[in-house]
Amino acid sequence: MAEEEFLKVVETSVLADAWGTLTRYGIEYLRRDGTWQPQIREAYDCGNGVACLLHNPDTDCVLLTRQFRLPVWLSGKDPFMVEAPAGLLEGAQPEERMRAELMEETGFEVSRLEFLFDAYMSPGSVTQALSFFTGTYHLKDQVAPGGGAEDEGEDIEVLHVPLEEALRMIRSGGIRDAKTIILLQELALRKLTPDAG
């Protein structure tokens, strides 16, 4: 990694390297006032990923999943998170990987996905960027049972949630996943201002 004119990497040490890599960095950062400040930071790298919200225009439902999340359980909250389908790139192109994740998690195969944007979800500590997609689905598009990959520890419930209910779930705490909230709000904005998309 090349150093920038505002950053000097003094030392690095890998703290963990199992599912992802957690690295401790000793850096010197050039502040806006012209002084160099030593800092210690940690960054977690588990690779970039994808997320997608599918909408059924016939029923005005969105396709979501529910699955167990250990970090949420560790924080003392309900660990069964309602989320938009998502996954890691694992060397694939974003749209290709998103289609595979949709099939694996939900069993749905859709003809067209629309790329929305890339975004960092936790840029203060995680290197991961997500590519966001949207698309349309119909019940006839389900060609497999979904449920995730058992050998990866996945046990995923597939949900068809009315859009209005999903938006209410954000306010009530039923949906607390950031990527899902972003995608639901994007869809709601598009419905309010169709020409904006």
C-alpha atoms as a PDB file:
ATOM      1  CA  MET A   1       0.000   0.000   0.000  1.00  0.00           C
ATOM      2  CA  ALA A   2       1.530   3.318  -1.096  1.00  0.00           C
ATOM      3  CA  GLU A   3       1.863   6.049   1.489  1.00  0.00           C
ATOM      4  CA  GLU A   4       0.054   9.319   0.838  1.00  0.00           C
ATOM      5  CA  GLU A   5       1.416  12.789   1.547  1.00  0.00           C
ATOM      6  CA  PHE A   6      -0.857  12.948   4.612  1.00  0.00           C
ATOM      7  CA  LEU A   7      -0.101   9.463   6.003  1.00  0.00           C
ATOM      8  CA  LYS A   8       2.935   7.495   7.147  1.00  0.00           C
ATOM      9  CA  VAL A   9       2.491   3.848   8.118  1.00  0.00           C
ATOM     10  CA  VAL A  10       4.980   3.226  10.914  1.00  0.00           C
ATOM     11  CA  GLU A  11       4.113  -0.367  11.816  1.00  0.00           C
ATOM     12  CA  THR A  12       1.531  -3.081  11.177  1.00  0.00           C
ATOM     13  CA  SER A  13       0.701  -6.300  12.988  1.00  0.00           C
ATOM     14  CA  VAL A  14      -1.933  -8.917  12.166  1.00  0.00           C
ATOM     15  CA  LEU A  15      -4.103  -9.569  15.225  1.00  0.00           C
ATOM     16  CA  ALA A  16      -6.380 -12.222  13.706  1.00  0.00           C
ATOM     17  CA  ASP A  17      -6.548 -13.995  10.366  1.00  0.00           C
ATOM     18  CA  ALA A  18      -9.365 -16.529  10.258  1.00  0.00           C
ATOM     19  CA  TRP A  19     -12.613 -15.528   8.497  1.00  0.00           C
ATOM     20  CA  GLY A  20     -11.153 -12.092   7.785  1.00  0.00           C
ATOM     21  CA  THR A  21      -7.975 -10.229   8.696  1.00  0.00           C
ATOM     22  CA  LEU A  22      -7.794  -7.835  11.630  1.00  0.00           C
ATOM     23  CA  THR A  23      -4.701  -5.617  11.419  1.00  0.00           C
ATOM     24  CA  ARG A  24      -3.331  -3.071  13.907  1.00  0.00           C
ATOM     25  CA  TYR A  25      -1.724  -0.017  12.294  1.00  0.00           C
ATOM     26  CA  GLY A  26       0.648   2.478  13.850  1.00  0.00           C
ATOM     27  CA  ILE A  27       0.398   5.580  11.667  1.00  0.00           C
ATOM     28  CA  GLU A  28       1.362   9.206  11.577  1.00  0.00           C
ATOM     29  CA  TYR A  29      -1.388  11.442  10.197  1.00  0.00           C
ATOM     30  CA  LEU A  30      -0.817  14.969   8.879  1.00  0.00           C
ATOM     31  CA  ARG A  31      -3.480  17.119  10.488  1.00  0.00           C
ATOM     32  CA  ARG A  32      -5.050  20.115   8.751  1.00  0.00           C
ATOM     33  CA  ASP A  33      -3.024  22.429  11.007  1.00  0.00           C
ATOM     34  CA  GLY A  34       0.212  20.984   9.539  1.00  0.00           C
ATOM     35  CA  THR A  35       1.273  18.850  12.512  1.00  0.00           C
ATOM     36  CA  TRP A  36       1.947  15.117  12.382  1.00  0.00           C
ATOM     37  CA  GLN A  37      -0.026  13.092  14.939  1.00  0.00           C
ATOM     38  CA  PRO A  38       0.790   9.465  15.871  1.00  0.00           C
ATOM     39  CA  GLN A  39      -2.293   7.238  15.971  1.00  0.00           C
ATOM     40  CA  ILE A  40      -3.125   3.570  16.530  1.00  0.00           C
ATOM     41  CA  ARG A  41      -5.942   2.136  14.409  1.00  0.00           C
ATOM     42  CA  GLU A  42      -7.333  -1.316  13.680  1.00  0.00           C
ATOM     43  CA  ALA A  43      -8.934  -2.333  10.390  1.00  0.00           C
ATOM     44  CA  TYR A  44     -10.914  -5.488   9.644  1.00  0.00           C
ATOM     45  CA  ASP A  45     -10.828  -6.843   6.093  1.00  0.00           C
ATOM     46  CA  CYS A  46     -13.286  -9.595   5.135  1.00  0.00           C
ATOM     47  CA  GLY A  47     -13.551  -8.635   1.457  1.00  0.00           C
ATOM     48  CA  ASN A  48     -16.071  -6.569  -0.476  1.00  0.00           C
ATOM     49  CA  GLY A  49     -19.667  -7.633  -0.849  1.00  0.00           C
ATOM     50  CA  VAL A  50     -23.064  -7.178  -2.460  1.00  0.00           C
ATOM     51  CA  ALA A  51     -26.625  -6.550  -1.278  1.00  0.00           C
ATOM     52  CA  CYS A  52     -29.932  -6.488  -3.151  1.00  0.00           C
ATOM     53  CA  LEU A  53     -33.557  -5.638  -2.508  1.00  0.00           C
ATOM     54  CA  LEU A  54     -36.106  -7.308  -4.791  1.00  0.00           C
ATOM     55  CA  HIS A  55     -39.598  -5.828  -5.061  1.00  0.00           C
ATOM     56  CA  ASN A  56     -42.738  -7.563  -6.300  1.00  0.00           C
ATOM     57  CA  PRO A  57     -44.931  -4.955  -8.062  1.00  0.00           C
ATOM     58  CA  ASP A  58     -47.921  -7.321  -8.055  1.00  0.00           C
ATOM     59  CA  THR A  59     -48.050  -7.604  -4.255  1.00  0.00           C
ATOM     60  CA  ASP A  60     -45.930  -4.555  -3.264  1.00  0.00           C
ATOM     61  CA  CYS A  61     -43.811  -6.927  -1.162  1.00  0.00           C
ATOM     62  CA  VAL A  62     -40.049  -6.971  -0.748  1.00  0.00           C
ATOM     63  CA  LEU A  63     -37.983 -10.151  -0.523  1.00  0.00           C
ATOM     64  CA  LEU A  64     -36.105 -10.301   2.787  1.00  0.00           C
ATOM     65  CA  THR A  65     -34.369 -12.926   4.895  1.00  0.00           C
ATOM     66  CA  ARG A  66     -34.089 -13.692   8.594  1.00  0.00           C
ATOM     67  CA  GLN A  67     -30.976 -15.290  10.059  1.00  0.00           C
ATOM     68  CA  PHE A  68     -28.923 -15.563  13.250  1.00  0.00           C
ATOM     69  CA  ARG A  69     -26.092 -13.024  13.715  1.00  0.00           C
ATOM     70  CA  LEU A  70     -23.581 -13.790  16.482  1.00  0.00           C
ATOM     71  CA  PRO A  71     -22.295 -10.195  16.954  1.00  0.00           C
ATOM     72  CA  VAL A  72     -25.855  -8.986  17.587  1.00  0.00           C
ATOM     73  CA  TRP A  73     -26.396 -11.772  20.120  1.00  0.00           C
ATOM     74  CA  LEU A  74     -23.117 -10.791  21.826  1.00  0.00           C
ATOM     75  CA  SER A  75     -24.459  -7.237  22.179  1.00  0.00           C
ATOM     76  CA  GLY A  76     -27.521  -8.555  24.028  1.00  0.00           C
ATOM     77  CA  LYS A  77     -30.059  -7.828  21.268  1.00  0.00           C
ATOM     78  CA  ASP A  78     -32.391 -10.107  19.285  1.00  0.00           C
ATOM     79  CA  PRO A  79     -29.897 -11.932  17.027  1.00  0.00           C
ATOM     80  CA  PHE A  80     -32.409 -13.007  14.357  1.00  0.00           C
ATOM     81  CA  MET A  81     -31.914 -10.156  11.901  1.00  0.00           C
ATOM     82  CA  VAL A  82     -34.272  -9.287   9.040  1.00  0.00           C
ATOM     83  CA  GLU A  83     -32.075  -8.357   6.098  1.00  0.00           C
ATOM     84  CA  ALA A  84     -31.875  -7.950   2.358  1.00  0.00           C
ATOM     85  CA  PRO A  85     -30.005 -10.830   0.688  1.00  0.00           C
ATOM     86  CA  ALA A  86     -26.262 -10.166   0.647  1.00  0.00           C
ATOM     87  CA  GLY A  87     -22.885 -11.840   0.505  1.00  0.00           C
ATOM     88  CA  LEU A  88     -19.165 -11.554  -0.118  1.00  0.00           C
ATOM     89  CA  LEU A  89     -17.727 -11.247  -3.625  1.00  0.00           C
ATOM     90  CA  GLU A  90     -15.217 -14.093  -3.160  1.00  0.00           C
ATOM     91  CA  GLY A  91     -13.486 -13.189  -6.442  1.00  0.00           C
ATOM     92  CA  ALA A  92     -16.668 -12.835  -8.528  1.00  0.00           C
ATOM     93  CA  GLN A  93     -18.010  -9.743 -10.269  1.00  0.00           C
ATOM     94  CA  PRO A  94     -20.686  -7.969  -8.181  1.00  0.00           C
ATOM     95  CA  GLU A  95     -23.747  -8.757 -10.329  1.00  0.00           C
ATOM     96  CA  GLU A  96     -22.672 -12.361 -10.848  1.00  0.00           C
ATOM     97  CA  ARG A  97     -22.160 -12.803  -7.098  1.00  0.00           C
ATOM     98  CA  MET A  98     -25.473 -11.125  -6.290  1.00  0.00           C
ATOM     99  CA  ARG A  99     -27.368 -13.502  -8.551  1.00  0.00           C
ATOM    100  CA  ALA A 100     -25.666 -16.469  -6.870  1.00  0.00           C
ATOM    101  CA  GLU A 101     -26.513 -15.108  -3.398  1.00  0.00           C
ATOM    102  CA  LEU A 102     -30.161 -14.560  -4.350  1.00  0.00           C
ATOM    103  CA  MET A 103     -30.384 -18.154  -5.530  1.00  0.00           C
ATOM    104  CA  GLU A 104     -28.548 -19.537  -2.498  1.00  0.00           C
ATOM    105  CA  GLU A 105     -30.436 -17.548   0.120  1.00  0.00           C
ATOM    106  CA  THR A 106     -33.917 -17.205  -1.400  1.00  0.00           C
ATOM    107  CA  GLY A 107     -34.152 -19.599  -4.359  1.00  0.00           C
ATOM    108  CA  PHE A 108     -35.231 -16.742  -6.651  1.00  0.00           C
ATOM    109  CA  GLU A 109     -33.788 -16.201 -10.114  1.00  0.00           C
ATOM    110  CA  VAL A 110     -34.471 -12.783 -11.655  1.00  0.00           C
ATOM    111  CA  SER A 111     -33.886 -11.620 -15.206  1.00  0.00           C
ATOM    112  CA  ARG A 112     -32.607  -8.111 -14.483  1.00  0.00           C
ATOM    113  CA  LEU A 113     -30.706  -6.482 -11.647  1.00  0.00           C
ATOM    114  CA  GLU A 114     -30.037  -2.748 -11.500  1.00  0.00           C
ATOM    115  CA  PHE A 115     -26.792  -1.526  -9.924  1.00  0.00           C
ATOM    116  CA  LEU A 116     -27.435   1.408  -7.586  1.00  0.00           C
ATOM    117  CA  PHE A 117     -24.145   2.441  -5.935  1.00  0.00           C
ATOM    118  CA  ASP A 118     -21.179   1.305  -3.838  1.00  0.00           C
ATOM    119  CA  ALA A 119     -21.039   2.293  -0.166  1.00  0.00           C
ATOM    120  CA  TYR A 120     -18.909   1.707   2.919  1.00  0.00           C
ATOM    121  CA  MET A 121     -20.974   0.502   5.866  1.00  0.00           C
ATOM    122  CA  SER A 122     -18.489   1.104   8.708  1.00  0.00           C
ATOM    123  CA  PRO A 123     -15.524   3.067   7.284  1.00  0.00           C
ATOM    124  CA  GLY A 124     -13.988   3.752  10.688  1.00  0.00           C
ATOM    125  CA  SER A 125     -13.019   0.124  11.239  1.00  0.00           C
ATOM    126  CA  VAL A 126     -13.972  -2.102   8.270  1.00  0.00           C
ATOM    127  CA  THR A 127     -12.453  -1.987   4.766  1.00  0.00           C
ATOM    128  CA  GLN A 128     -15.507  -3.580   3.138  1.00  0.00           C
ATOM    129  CA  ALA A 129     -17.512  -1.764   0.472  1.00  0.00           C
ATOM    130  CA  LEU A 130     -20.888  -3.111  -0.659  1.00  0.00           C
ATOM    131  CA  SER A 131     -22.298  -2.927  -4.175  1.00  0.00           C
ATOM    132  CA  PHE A 132     -26.040  -2.262  -3.883  1.00  0.00           C
ATOM    133  CA  PHE A 133     -28.566  -3.654  -6.370  1.00  0.00           C
ATOM    134  CA  THR A 134     -32.315  -3.629  -6.859  1.00  0.00           C
ATOM    135  CA  GLY A 135     -34.633  -5.659  -9.032  1.00  0.00           C
ATOM    136  CA  THR A 136     -38.126  -7.002  -9.556  1.00  0.00           C
ATOM    137  CA  TYR A 137     -39.332 -10.459  -8.621  1.00  0.00           C
ATOM    138  CA  HIS A 138     -42.494 -12.494  -9.026  1.00  0.00           C
ATOM    139  CA  LEU A 139     -43.485 -15.639  -7.155  1.00  0.00           C
ATOM    140  CA  LYS A 140     -43.009 -17.684 -10.349  1.00  0.00           C
ATOM    141  CA  ASP A 141     -39.295 -16.735 -10.258  1.00  0.00           C
ATOM    142  CA  GLN A 142     -38.602 -19.087  -7.339  1.00  0.00           C
ATOM    143  CA  VAL A 143     -36.764 -22.079  -8.799  1.00  0.00           C
ATOM    144  CA  ALA A 144     -35.100 -23.482  -5.647  1.00  0.00           C
ATOM    145  CA  PRO A 145     -35.939 -23.621  -1.938  1.00  0.00           C
ATOM    146  CA  GLY A 146     -33.238 -21.166  -0.777  1.00  0.00           C
ATOM    147  CA  GLY A 147     -32.290 -21.201   2.887  1.00  0.00           C
ATOM    148  CA  GLY A 148     -28.565 -20.633   2.437  1.00  0.00           C
ATOM    149  CA  ALA A 149     -25.579 -22.961   2.386  1.00  0.00           C
ATOM    150  CA  GLU A 150     -25.780 -25.429   5.269  1.00  0.00           C
ATOM    151  CA  ASP A 151     -22.033 -26.173   5.040  1.00  0.00           C
ATOM    152  CA  GLU A 152     -21.395 -22.454   5.710  1.00  0.00           C
ATOM    153  CA  GLY A 153     -23.626 -22.533   8.794  1.00  0.00           C
ATOM    154  CA  GLU A 154     -26.489 -20.682   7.103  1.00  0.00           C
ATOM    155  CA  ASP A 155     -30.092 -21.326   8.161  1.00  0.00           C
ATOM    156  CA  ILE A 156     -32.035 -18.597   6.354  1.00  0.00           C
ATOM    157  CA  GLU A 157     -35.771 -17.961   6.447  1.00  0.00           C
ATOM    158  CA  VAL A 158     -37.231 -16.287   3.343  1.00  0.00           C
ATOM    159  CA  LEU A 159     -39.759 -13.497   3.956  1.00  0.00           C
ATOM    160  CA  HIS A 160     -42.188 -11.658   1.672  1.00  0.00           C
ATOM    161  CA  VAL A 161     -42.905  -8.412   3.523  1.00  0.00           C
ATOM    162  CA  PRO A 162     -45.264  -5.661   2.319  1.00  0.00           C
ATOM    163  CA  LEU A 163     -43.174  -2.555   1.644  1.00  0.00           C
ATOM    164  CA  GLU A 164     -45.229  -0.376   4.000  1.00  0.00           C
ATOM    165  CA  GLU A 165     -44.770  -2.912   6.786  1.00  0.00           C
ATOM    166  CA  ALA A 166     -41.018  -3.121   6.125  1.00  0.00           C
ATOM    167  CA  LEU A 167     -40.733   0.659   6.391  1.00  0.00           C
ATOM    168  CA  ARG A 168     -42.659   0.580   9.685  1.00  0.00           C
ATOM    169  CA  MET A 169     -40.296  -2.137  10.918  1.00  0.00           C
ATOM    170  CA  ILE A 170     -37.394   0.298  10.586  1.00  0.00           C
ATOM    171  CA  ARG A 171     -39.098   2.658  13.051  1.00  0.00           C
ATOM    172  CA  SER A 172     -40.189  -0.128  15.404  1.00  0.00           C
ATOM    173  CA  GLY A 173     -36.782  -1.826  15.481  1.00  0.00           C
ATOM    174  CA  GLY A 174     -37.910  -4.904  13.584  1.00  0.00           C
ATOM    175  CA  ILE A 175     -35.339  -4.082  10.892  1.00  0.00           C
ATOM    176  CA  ARG A 176     -31.993  -2.879  12.277  1.00  0.00           C
ATOM    177  CA  ASP A 177     -29.614  -3.833   9.468  1.00  0.00           C
ATOM    178  CA  ALA A 178     -28.058  -0.775   7.800  1.00  0.00           C
ATOM    179  CA  LYS A 179     -27.836  -2.133   4.256  1.00  0.00           C
ATOM    180  CA  THR A 180     -31.484  -3.177   4.380  1.00  0.00           C
ATOM    181  CA  ILE A 181     -32.598   0.200   5.706  1.00  0.00           C
ATOM    182  CA  ILE A 182     -30.704   1.958   2.905  1.00  0.00           C
ATOM    183  CA  LEU A 183     -32.282  -0.265   0.238  1.00  0.00           C
ATOM    184  CA  LEU A 184     -35.807   0.101   1.649  1.00  0.00           C
ATOM    185  CA  GLN A 185     -35.494   3.877   1.820  1.00  0.00           C
ATOM    186  CA  GLU A 186     -34.103   3.938  -1.734  1.00  0.00           C
ATOM    187  CA  LEU A 187     -37.149   1.992  -2.951  1.00  0.00           C
ATOM    188  CA  ALA A 188     -39.539   4.244  -1.018  1.00  0.00           C
ATOM    189  CA  LEU A 189     -37.921   7.345  -2.547  1.00  0.00           C
ATOM    190  CA  ARG A 190     -38.189   5.873  -6.024  1.00  0.00           C
ATOM    191  CA  LYS A 191     -41.883   5.183  -5.529  1.00  0.00           C
ATOM    192  CA  LEU A 192     -42.425   8.757  -4.340  1.00  0.00           C
ATOM    193  CA  THR A 193     -40.401  10.276  -7.212  1.00  0.00           C
ATOM    194  CA  PRO A 194     -40.404   7.718 -10.064  1.00  0.00           C
ATOM    195  CA  ASP A 195     -38.381   9.952 -12.392  1.00  0.00           C
ATOM    196  CA  ALA A 196     -35.501  10.197  -9.876  1.00  0.00           C
ATOM    197  CA  GLY A 197     -34.375   6.610 -10.549  1.00  0.00           C
END
